[in-house]
């Protein structure tokens, strides 16, 4: 400050140079203090740091602050904080006995799934008419794909002598082949109410969606009892709220929760 006042009172190359040197020394000193403080903060974070504590720290560092040479982007500080915590909270830092338990269960589940998928049973037989009717019954009156064929048209084909739709699906099943046009989709952007944003909707062939339902039913019949009871996504009658309910029922004051 004294060098700054001296430069304001007597502007000259000498006082300007002295003021710049003092300013650089101050910036370097404050950066060292800031680095030491940040290091102490990150060293205090580990895999036992609670989600609530992390959320409080992140909100604290991203508060609106003025950018300067000494204070960089608050968003960058928050990102550094998340990176530091995630690096110390990853599963590699868990105790060895937990690693052994996770590895054992992982290998066991993989073996059970492999044996279920390789097992030859009656499900390897051709697609039946009952399977086709059940899959078509689940089809809602949605927009068709590029071919313009709806579920209503496919249901009419069930009454055609010889059931050509069933023969087509069995041909695809036995050959392990799906027409390329069935795998293509048309993406239609739909405006979101009250905003200028859009929600993309993918329109695929109803032919393909029916076949996917049939194969999914067969696959789930084989592996559903082999799946982990901790699996909540992509399963019927299961969702995020089931996971949260189980989490809250198991929490205690000493619980450690990690999300990835």
C-alpha atoms as a PDB file:
ATOM      1  CA  UNK A   1       0.000   0.000   0.000  1.00  0.00           C
ATOM      2  CA  UNK A   2       2.844   2.376   0.829  1.00  0.00           C
ATOM      3  CA  UNK A   3       4.432   1.745  -2.580  1.00  0.00           C
ATOM      4  CA  UNK A   4       1.077   2.336  -4.237  1.00  0.00           C
ATOM      5  CA  UNK A   5       0.579   5.649  -2.447  1.00  0.00           C
ATOM      6  CA  UNK A   6       4.136   6.652  -3.322  1.00  0.00           C
ATOM      7  CA  UNK A   7       3.452   5.999  -6.993  1.00  0.00           C
ATOM      8  CA  UNK A   8       0.235   8.022  -6.875  1.00  0.00           C
ATOM      9  CA  UNK A   9       2.001  10.982  -5.270  1.00  0.00           C
ATOM     10  CA  UNK A  10       5.153  10.862  -7.381  1.00  0.00           C
ATOM     11  CA  UNK A  11       4.506   9.006 -10.678  1.00  0.00           C
ATOM     12  CA  UNK A  12       7.854   8.004 -12.118  1.00  0.00           C
ATOM     13  CA  UNK A  13       9.469   4.911 -13.648  1.00  0.00           C
ATOM     14  CA  UNK A  14      11.251   4.197 -10.335  1.00  0.00           C
ATOM     15  CA  UNK A  15       8.106   4.337  -8.146  1.00  0.00           C
ATOM     16  CA  UNK A  16       6.132   2.366 -10.770  1.00  0.00           C
ATOM     17  CA  UNK A  17       8.771  -0.367 -10.819  1.00  0.00           C
ATOM     18  CA  UNK A  18       8.799  -0.562  -7.008  1.00  0.00           C
ATOM     19  CA  UNK A  19       4.999  -0.697  -6.940  1.00  0.00           C
ATOM     20  CA  UNK A  20       4.960  -3.553  -9.478  1.00  0.00           C
ATOM     21  CA  UNK A  21       7.537  -5.512  -7.465  1.00  0.00           C
ATOM     22  CA  UNK A  22       5.485  -5.121  -4.278  1.00  0.00           C
ATOM     23  CA  UNK A  23       2.321  -6.123  -6.058  1.00  0.00           C
ATOM     24  CA  UNK A  24       3.958  -9.277  -7.489  1.00  0.00           C
ATOM     25  CA  UNK A  25       5.297 -10.224  -4.037  1.00  0.00           C
ATOM     26  CA  UNK A  26       1.809  -9.796  -2.565  1.00  0.00           C
ATOM     27  CA  UNK A  27       0.202 -11.907  -5.296  1.00  0.00           C
ATOM     28  CA  UNK A  28       2.763 -14.683  -4.794  1.00  0.00           C
ATOM     29  CA  UNK A  29       2.271 -14.628  -1.035  1.00  0.00           C
ATOM     30  CA  UNK A  30      -1.516 -14.781  -1.299  1.00  0.00           C
ATOM     31  CA  UNK A  31      -1.296 -17.633  -3.782  1.00  0.00           C
ATOM     32  CA  UNK A  32       0.887 -19.609  -1.376  1.00  0.00           C
ATOM     33  CA  UNK A  33      -1.602 -19.021   1.425  1.00  0.00           C
ATOM     34  CA  UNK A  34      -4.480 -19.994  -0.845  1.00  0.00           C
ATOM     35  CA  UNK A  35      -2.687 -23.173  -1.991  1.00  0.00           C
ATOM     36  CA  UNK A  36      -1.893 -24.219   1.583  1.00  0.00           C
ATOM     37  CA  UNK A  37      -5.486 -23.593   2.645  1.00  0.00           C
ATOM     38  CA  UNK A  38      -6.836 -25.594  -0.303  1.00  0.00           C
ATOM     39  CA  UNK A  39      -4.444 -28.464   0.448  1.00  0.00           C
ATOM     40  CA  UNK A  40      -5.583 -28.605   4.065  1.00  0.00           C
ATOM     41  CA  UNK A  41      -9.212 -28.690   2.908  1.00  0.00           C
ATOM     42  CA  UNK A  42      -8.695 -31.513   0.410  1.00  0.00           C
ATOM     43  CA  UNK A  43      -6.595 -33.514   2.881  1.00  0.00           C
ATOM     44  CA  UNK A  44      -9.539 -33.454   5.288  1.00  0.00           C
ATOM     45  CA  UNK A  45     -11.777 -35.121   2.661  1.00  0.00           C
ATOM     46  CA  UNK A  46     -11.864 -38.914   2.430  1.00  0.00           C
ATOM     47  CA  UNK A  47     -14.252 -41.760   1.679  1.00  0.00           C
ATOM     48  CA  UNK A  48     -16.001 -41.169   5.019  1.00  0.00           C
ATOM     49  CA  UNK A  49     -16.946 -37.585   4.198  1.00  0.00           C
ATOM     50  CA  UNK A  50     -20.733 -37.439   4.060  1.00  0.00           C
ATOM     51  CA  UNK A  51     -22.748 -36.292   1.073  1.00  0.00           C
ATOM     52  CA  UNK A  52     -24.210 -33.476   3.167  1.00  0.00           C
ATOM     53  CA  UNK A  53     -20.766 -32.148   4.078  1.00  0.00           C
ATOM     54  CA  UNK A  54     -19.638 -32.250   0.456  1.00  0.00           C
ATOM     55  CA  UNK A  55     -22.794 -30.470  -0.672  1.00  0.00           C
ATOM     56  CA  UNK A  56     -22.188 -27.749   1.936  1.00  0.00           C
ATOM     57  CA  UNK A  57     -18.570 -27.273   0.829  1.00  0.00           C
ATOM     58  CA  UNK A  58     -19.488 -27.138  -2.850  1.00  0.00           C
ATOM     59  CA  UNK A  59     -22.208 -24.556  -2.220  1.00  0.00           C
ATOM     60  CA  UNK A  60     -19.760 -22.562  -0.144  1.00  0.00           C
ATOM     61  CA  UNK A  61     -17.146 -22.286  -2.879  1.00  0.00           C
ATOM     62  CA  UNK A  62     -19.550 -21.565  -5.754  1.00  0.00           C
ATOM     63  CA  UNK A  63     -21.152 -18.537  -4.123  1.00  0.00           C
ATOM     64  CA  UNK A  64     -21.027 -15.431  -6.251  1.00  0.00           C
ATOM     65  CA  UNK A  65     -17.576 -13.887  -5.968  1.00  0.00           C
ATOM     66  CA  UNK A  66     -15.727 -11.360  -8.049  1.00  0.00           C
ATOM     67  CA  UNK A  67     -13.089 -12.722 -10.385  1.00  0.00           C
ATOM     68  CA  UNK A  68      -9.603 -11.396  -9.888  1.00  0.00           C
ATOM     69  CA  UNK A  69      -5.992 -12.416 -10.310  1.00  0.00           C
ATOM     70  CA  UNK A  70      -6.124 -13.879  -6.789  1.00  0.00           C
ATOM     71  CA  UNK A  71      -9.549 -15.478  -6.933  1.00  0.00           C
ATOM     72  CA  UNK A  72     -10.265 -17.652  -9.937  1.00  0.00           C
ATOM     73  CA  UNK A  73     -13.560 -19.059 -11.169  1.00  0.00           C
ATOM     74  CA  UNK A  74     -15.774 -20.375  -8.315  1.00  0.00           C
ATOM     75  CA  UNK A  75     -16.995 -23.064 -10.695  1.00  0.00           C
ATOM     76  CA  UNK A  76     -13.431 -24.267 -11.125  1.00  0.00           C
ATOM     77  CA  UNK A  77     -13.014 -24.357  -7.345  1.00  0.00           C
ATOM     78  CA  UNK A  78     -16.155 -26.481  -7.062  1.00  0.00           C
ATOM     79  CA  UNK A  79     -14.921 -28.828  -9.790  1.00  0.00           C
ATOM     80  CA  UNK A  80     -11.550 -29.170  -8.049  1.00  0.00           C
ATOM     81  CA  UNK A  81     -13.376 -29.954  -4.828  1.00  0.00           C
ATOM     82  CA  UNK A  82     -15.458 -32.668  -6.507  1.00  0.00           C
ATOM     83  CA  UNK A  83     -12.371 -34.133  -8.184  1.00  0.00           C
ATOM     84  CA  UNK A  84     -10.440 -34.209  -4.927  1.00  0.00           C
ATOM     85  CA  UNK A  85     -13.283 -35.912  -3.084  1.00  0.00           C
ATOM     86  CA  UNK A  86     -14.057 -38.419  -5.834  1.00  0.00           C
ATOM     87  CA  UNK A  87     -10.362 -39.344  -6.059  1.00  0.00           C
ATOM     88  CA  UNK A  88     -10.269 -40.136  -2.350  1.00  0.00           C
ATOM     89  CA  UNK A  89     -13.761 -41.679  -2.177  1.00  0.00           C
ATOM     90  CA  UNK A  90     -13.376 -44.192  -4.998  1.00  0.00           C
ATOM     91  CA  UNK A  91     -13.740 -47.898  -4.290  1.00  0.00           C
ATOM     92  CA  UNK A  92      -9.987 -48.472  -4.537  1.00  0.00           C
ATOM     93  CA  UNK A  93      -9.647 -46.750  -1.149  1.00  0.00           C
ATOM     94  CA  UNK A  94     -12.063 -49.113   0.590  1.00  0.00           C
ATOM     95  CA  UNK A  95     -10.693 -51.624   3.124  1.00  0.00           C
ATOM     96  CA  UNK A  96      -9.283 -54.890   1.706  1.00  0.00           C
ATOM     97  CA  UNK A  97     -12.020 -57.074   3.211  1.00  0.00           C
ATOM     98  CA  UNK A  98     -14.685 -55.063   1.355  1.00  0.00           C
ATOM     99  CA  UNK A  99     -12.746 -55.486  -1.903  1.00  0.00           C
ATOM    100  CA  UNK A 100     -12.637 -59.245  -1.337  1.00  0.00           C
ATOM    101  CA  UNK A 101     -16.384 -59.402  -0.677  1.00  0.00           C
ATOM    102  CA  UNK A 102     -17.228 -57.336  -3.756  1.00  0.00           C
ATOM    103  CA  UNK A 103     -14.948 -59.412  -5.943  1.00  0.00           C
ATOM    104  CA  UNK A 104     -16.445 -62.680  -4.700  1.00  0.00           C
ATOM    105  CA  UNK A 105     -20.026 -61.584  -5.324  1.00  0.00           C
ATOM    106  CA  UNK A 106     -19.155 -60.145  -8.720  1.00  0.00           C
ATOM    107  CA  UNK A 107     -17.565 -63.392  -9.929  1.00  0.00           C
ATOM    108  CA  UNK A 108     -20.447 -65.432  -8.508  1.00  0.00           C
ATOM    109  CA  UNK A 109     -23.088 -63.364 -10.310  1.00  0.00           C
ATOM    110  CA  UNK A 110     -21.118 -63.512 -13.562  1.00  0.00           C
ATOM    111  CA  UNK A 111     -20.934 -67.316 -13.378  1.00  0.00           C
ATOM    112  CA  UNK A 112     -24.658 -67.622 -12.663  1.00  0.00           C
ATOM    113  CA  UNK A 113     -25.563 -65.377 -15.599  1.00  0.00           C
ATOM    114  CA  UNK A 114     -23.195 -67.217 -17.930  1.00  0.00           C
ATOM    115  CA  UNK A 115     -24.604 -70.610 -16.969  1.00  0.00           C
ATOM    116  CA  UNK A 116     -28.170 -69.355 -17.415  1.00  0.00           C
ATOM    117  CA  UNK A 117     -27.488 -67.946 -20.866  1.00  0.00           C
ATOM    118  CA  UNK A 118     -25.629 -71.042 -22.066  1.00  0.00           C
ATOM    119  CA  UNK A 119     -28.216 -73.475 -20.754  1.00  0.00           C
ATOM    120  CA  UNK A 120     -30.323 -75.091 -23.483  1.00  0.00           C
ATOM    121  CA  UNK A 121     -34.004 -75.321 -22.617  1.00  0.00           C
ATOM    122  CA  UNK A 122     -37.319 -75.282 -24.328  1.00  0.00           C
ATOM    123  CA  UNK A 123     -37.102 -71.477 -24.716  1.00  0.00           C
ATOM    124  CA  UNK A 124     -34.803 -72.070 -27.696  1.00  0.00           C
ATOM    125  CA  UNK A 125     -37.777 -73.365 -29.654  1.00  0.00           C
ATOM    126  CA  UNK A 126     -39.505 -71.234 -32.240  1.00  0.00           C
ATOM    127  CA  UNK A 127     -41.643 -68.266 -31.269  1.00  0.00           C
ATOM    128  CA  UNK A 128     -45.195 -69.317 -30.495  1.00  0.00           C
ATOM    129  CA  UNK A 129     -48.403 -67.571 -31.397  1.00  0.00           C
ATOM    130  CA  UNK A 130     -49.155 -66.995 -27.706  1.00  0.00           C
ATOM    131  CA  UNK A 131     -45.855 -65.121 -27.301  1.00  0.00           C
ATOM    132  CA  UNK A 132     -46.632 -63.002 -30.337  1.00  0.00           C
ATOM    133  CA  UNK A 133     -50.121 -62.133 -29.091  1.00  0.00           C
ATOM    134  CA  UNK A 134     -48.813 -61.167 -25.642  1.00  0.00           C
ATOM    135  CA  UNK A 135     -46.175 -58.895 -27.188  1.00  0.00           C
ATOM    136  CA  UNK A 136     -48.729 -57.233 -29.463  1.00  0.00           C
ATOM    137  CA  UNK A 137     -51.129 -56.734 -26.563  1.00  0.00           C
ATOM    138  CA  UNK A 138     -48.500 -54.560 -24.837  1.00  0.00           C
ATOM    139  CA  UNK A 139     -48.185 -52.284 -27.870  1.00  0.00           C
ATOM    140  CA  UNK A 140     -49.829 -48.924 -27.359  1.00  0.00           C
ATOM    141  CA  UNK A 141     -51.263 -46.667 -30.057  1.00  0.00           C
ATOM    142  CA  UNK A 142     -47.975 -44.893 -30.641  1.00  0.00           C
ATOM    143  CA  UNK A 143     -46.611 -43.228 -33.766  1.00  0.00           C
ATOM    144  CA  UNK A 144     -45.070 -45.724 -36.215  1.00  0.00           C
ATOM    145  CA  UNK A 145     -41.600 -45.657 -37.763  1.00  0.00           C
ATOM    146  CA  UNK A 146     -40.635 -44.826 -41.324  1.00  0.00           C
ATOM    147  CA  UNK A 147     -42.624 -47.760 -42.694  1.00  0.00           C
ATOM    148  CA  UNK A 148     -45.889 -46.272 -41.351  1.00  0.00           C
ATOM    149  CA  UNK A 149     -47.071 -49.676 -40.023  1.00  0.00           C
ATOM    150  CA  UNK A 150     -48.816 -49.471 -36.652  1.00  0.00           C
ATOM    151  CA  UNK A 151     -49.607 -52.096 -34.042  1.00  0.00           C
ATOM    152  CA  UNK A 152     -53.205 -52.193 -35.310  1.00  0.00           C
ATOM    153  CA  UNK A 153     -51.960 -53.381 -38.717  1.00  0.00           C
ATOM    154  CA  UNK A 154     -49.825 -56.084 -37.091  1.00  0.00           C
ATOM    155  CA  UNK A 155     -52.807 -57.326 -35.088  1.00  0.00           C
ATOM    156  CA  UNK A 156     -54.804 -57.696 -38.298  1.00  0.00           C
ATOM    157  CA  UNK A 157     -52.052 -59.929 -39.689  1.00  0.00           C
ATOM    158  CA  UNK A 158     -52.676 -62.394 -36.846  1.00  0.00           C
ATOM    159  CA  UNK A 159     -55.971 -63.369 -38.489  1.00  0.00           C
ATOM    160  CA  UNK A 160     -54.416 -63.947 -41.926  1.00  0.00           C
ATOM    161  CA  UNK A 161     -54.292 -67.695 -42.772  1.00  0.00           C
ATOM    162  CA  UNK A 162     -50.850 -69.121 -42.098  1.00  0.00           C
ATOM    163  CA  UNK A 163     -49.965 -66.229 -39.787  1.00  0.00           C
ATOM    164  CA  UNK A 164     -47.268 -64.644 -42.011  1.00  0.00           C
ATOM    165  CA  UNK A 165     -46.192 -62.320 -39.190  1.00  0.00           C
ATOM    166  CA  UNK A 166     -45.300 -65.289 -36.961  1.00  0.00           C
ATOM    167  CA  UNK A 167     -43.437 -66.941 -39.831  1.00  0.00           C
ATOM    168  CA  UNK A 168     -41.466 -63.748 -40.424  1.00  0.00           C
ATOM    169  CA  UNK A 169     -40.418 -63.510 -36.769  1.00  0.00           C
ATOM    170  CA  UNK A 170     -39.400 -67.172 -36.630  1.00  0.00           C
ATOM    171  CA  UNK A 171     -37.353 -66.710 -39.788  1.00  0.00           C
ATOM    172  CA  UNK A 172     -35.509 -63.790 -38.188  1.00  0.00           C
ATOM    173  CA  UNK A 173     -35.080 -65.765 -34.966  1.00  0.00           C
ATOM    174  CA  UNK A 174     -33.698 -68.894 -36.602  1.00  0.00           C
ATOM    175  CA  UNK A 175     -31.340 -66.976 -38.906  1.00  0.00           C
ATOM    176  CA  UNK A 176     -30.256 -64.518 -36.218  1.00  0.00           C
ATOM    177  CA  UNK A 177     -30.942 -61.674 -38.614  1.00  0.00           C
ATOM    178  CA  UNK A 178     -32.931 -58.443 -38.295  1.00  0.00           C
ATOM    179  CA  UNK A 179     -33.685 -56.276 -41.350  1.00  0.00           C
ATOM    180  CA  UNK A 180     -31.639 -53.114 -41.364  1.00  0.00           C
ATOM    181  CA  UNK A 181     -34.705 -50.901 -41.775  1.00  0.00           C
ATOM    182  CA  UNK A 182     -36.038 -52.203 -38.460  1.00  0.00           C
ATOM    183  CA  UNK A 183     -33.004 -50.854 -36.622  1.00  0.00           C
ATOM    184  CA  UNK A 184     -33.309 -47.324 -38.034  1.00  0.00           C
ATOM    185  CA  UNK A 185     -35.267 -44.663 -36.211  1.00  0.00           C
ATOM    186  CA  UNK A 186     -36.616 -41.210 -36.930  1.00  0.00           C
ATOM    187  CA  UNK A 187     -35.922 -38.602 -34.252  1.00  0.00           C
ATOM    188  CA  UNK A 188     -38.674 -35.996 -33.935  1.00  0.00           C
ATOM    189  CA  UNK A 189     -38.107 -32.943 -31.670  1.00  0.00           C
ATOM    190  CA  UNK A 190     -41.203 -32.085 -29.626  1.00  0.00           C
ATOM    191  CA  UNK A 191     -41.365 -28.622 -27.955  1.00  0.00           C
ATOM    192  CA  UNK A 192     -41.483 -28.637 -24.163  1.00  0.00           C
ATOM    193  CA  UNK A 193     -44.443 -26.639 -22.776  1.00  0.00           C
ATOM    194  CA  UNK A 194     -43.511 -23.176 -21.580  1.00  0.00           C
ATOM    195  CA  UNK A 195     -39.912 -23.272 -22.810  1.00  0.00           C
ATOM    196  CA  UNK A 196     -37.956 -22.939 -26.021  1.00  0.00           C
ATOM    197  CA  UNK A 197     -36.404 -26.376 -25.540  1.00  0.00           C
ATOM    198  CA  UNK A 198     -37.265 -29.621 -27.302  1.00  0.00           C
ATOM    199  CA  UNK A 199     -37.620 -33.237 -26.211  1.00  0.00           C
ATOM    200  CA  UNK A 200     -36.376 -35.711 -28.829  1.00  0.00           C
ATOM    201  CA  UNK A 201     -38.647 -38.697 -29.511  1.00  0.00           C
ATOM    202  CA  UNK A 202     -37.284 -41.681 -31.429  1.00  0.00           C
ATOM    203  CA  UNK A 203     -39.787 -43.420 -33.722  1.00  0.00           C
ATOM    204  CA  UNK A 204     -38.795 -47.003 -34.537  1.00  0.00           C
ATOM    205  CA  UNK A 205     -40.447 -49.774 -36.472  1.00  0.00           C
ATOM    206  CA  UNK A 206     -43.279 -51.602 -34.688  1.00  0.00           C
ATOM    207  CA  UNK A 207     -42.018 -54.810 -36.303  1.00  0.00           C
ATOM    208  CA  UNK A 208     -38.779 -54.493 -34.365  1.00  0.00           C
ATOM    209  CA  UNK A 209     -40.396 -53.455 -31.073  1.00  0.00           C
ATOM    210  CA  UNK A 210     -42.642 -56.533 -31.040  1.00  0.00           C
ATOM    211  CA  UNK A 211     -39.705 -58.856 -31.688  1.00  0.00           C
ATOM    212  CA  UNK A 212     -37.703 -57.104 -28.955  1.00  0.00           C
ATOM    213  CA  UNK A 213     -40.532 -57.694 -26.454  1.00  0.00           C
ATOM    214  CA  UNK A 214     -40.635 -61.388 -27.283  1.00  0.00           C
ATOM    215  CA  UNK A 215     -36.875 -61.805 -26.867  1.00  0.00           C
ATOM    216  CA  UNK A 216     -36.866 -59.713 -23.697  1.00  0.00           C
ATOM    217  CA  UNK A 217     -39.540 -61.916 -22.131  1.00  0.00           C
ATOM    218  CA  UNK A 218     -37.488 -65.019 -22.879  1.00  0.00           C
ATOM    219  CA  UNK A 219     -34.313 -63.442 -21.564  1.00  0.00           C
ATOM    220  CA  UNK A 220     -35.930 -62.235 -18.330  1.00  0.00           C
ATOM    221  CA  UNK A 221     -37.468 -65.672 -17.771  1.00  0.00           C
ATOM    222  CA  UNK A 222     -33.970 -67.127 -17.745  1.00  0.00           C
ATOM    223  CA  UNK A 223     -32.003 -64.578 -15.776  1.00  0.00           C
ATOM    224  CA  UNK A 224     -34.494 -62.762 -13.538  1.00  0.00           C
ATOM    225  CA  UNK A 225     -33.791 -64.973 -10.528  1.00  0.00           C
ATOM    226  CA  UNK A 226     -30.050 -64.679 -11.209  1.00  0.00           C
ATOM    227  CA  UNK A 227     -29.948 -60.877 -11.079  1.00  0.00           C
ATOM    228  CA  UNK A 228     -28.734 -59.029  -8.008  1.00  0.00           C
ATOM    229  CA  UNK A 229     -31.497 -57.940  -5.613  1.00  0.00           C
ATOM    230  CA  UNK A 230     -29.756 -54.544  -5.559  1.00  0.00           C
ATOM    231  CA  UNK A 231     -30.558 -53.940  -9.240  1.00  0.00           C
ATOM    232  CA  UNK A 232     -33.325 -51.352  -9.574  1.00  0.00           C
ATOM    233  CA  UNK A 233     -33.021 -49.959 -13.086  1.00  0.00           C
ATOM    234  CA  UNK A 234     -34.509 -51.357 -16.309  1.00  0.00           C
ATOM    235  CA  UNK A 235     -36.714 -53.855 -14.470  1.00  0.00           C
ATOM    236  CA  UNK A 236     -40.514 -53.961 -14.281  1.00  0.00           C
ATOM    237  CA  UNK A 237     -42.079 -52.622 -11.086  1.00  0.00           C
ATOM    238  CA  UNK A 238     -38.742 -51.271  -9.874  1.00  0.00           C
ATOM    239  CA  UNK A 239     -37.457 -47.729  -9.853  1.00  0.00           C
ATOM    240  CA  UNK A 240     -35.346 -45.119  -8.112  1.00  0.00           C
ATOM    241  CA  UNK A 241     -37.819 -44.716  -5.250  1.00  0.00           C
ATOM    242  CA  UNK A 242     -37.355 -48.370  -4.280  1.00  0.00           C
ATOM    243  CA  UNK A 243     -33.606 -47.821  -4.057  1.00  0.00           C
ATOM    244  CA  UNK A 244     -34.054 -44.691  -1.931  1.00  0.00           C
ATOM    245  CA  UNK A 245     -36.494 -46.435   0.393  1.00  0.00           C
ATOM    246  CA  UNK A 246     -34.057 -49.262   1.041  1.00  0.00           C
ATOM    247  CA  UNK A 247     -31.205 -46.788   1.504  1.00  0.00           C
ATOM    248  CA  UNK A 248     -33.087 -44.759   4.111  1.00  0.00           C
ATOM    249  CA  UNK A 249     -34.136 -47.876   6.027  1.00  0.00           C
ATOM    250  CA  UNK A 250     -30.500 -48.956   6.309  1.00  0.00           C
ATOM    251  CA  UNK A 251     -28.991 -45.594   7.289  1.00  0.00           C
ATOM    252  CA  UNK A 252     -27.601 -45.017  10.764  1.00  0.00           C
ATOM    253  CA  UNK A 253     -25.467 -42.219  12.324  1.00  0.00           C
ATOM    254  CA  UNK A 254     -22.251 -44.028  11.296  1.00  0.00           C
ATOM    255  CA  UNK A 255     -23.317 -44.934   7.766  1.00  0.00           C
ATOM    256  CA  UNK A 256     -21.047 -44.149   4.811  1.00  0.00           C
ATOM    257  CA  UNK A 257     -22.786 -43.650   1.465  1.00  0.00           C
ATOM    258  CA  UNK A 258     -21.056 -43.392  -1.890  1.00  0.00           C
ATOM    259  CA  UNK A 259     -22.573 -42.588  -5.293  1.00  0.00           C
ATOM    260  CA  UNK A 260     -20.898 -43.094  -8.655  1.00  0.00           C
END
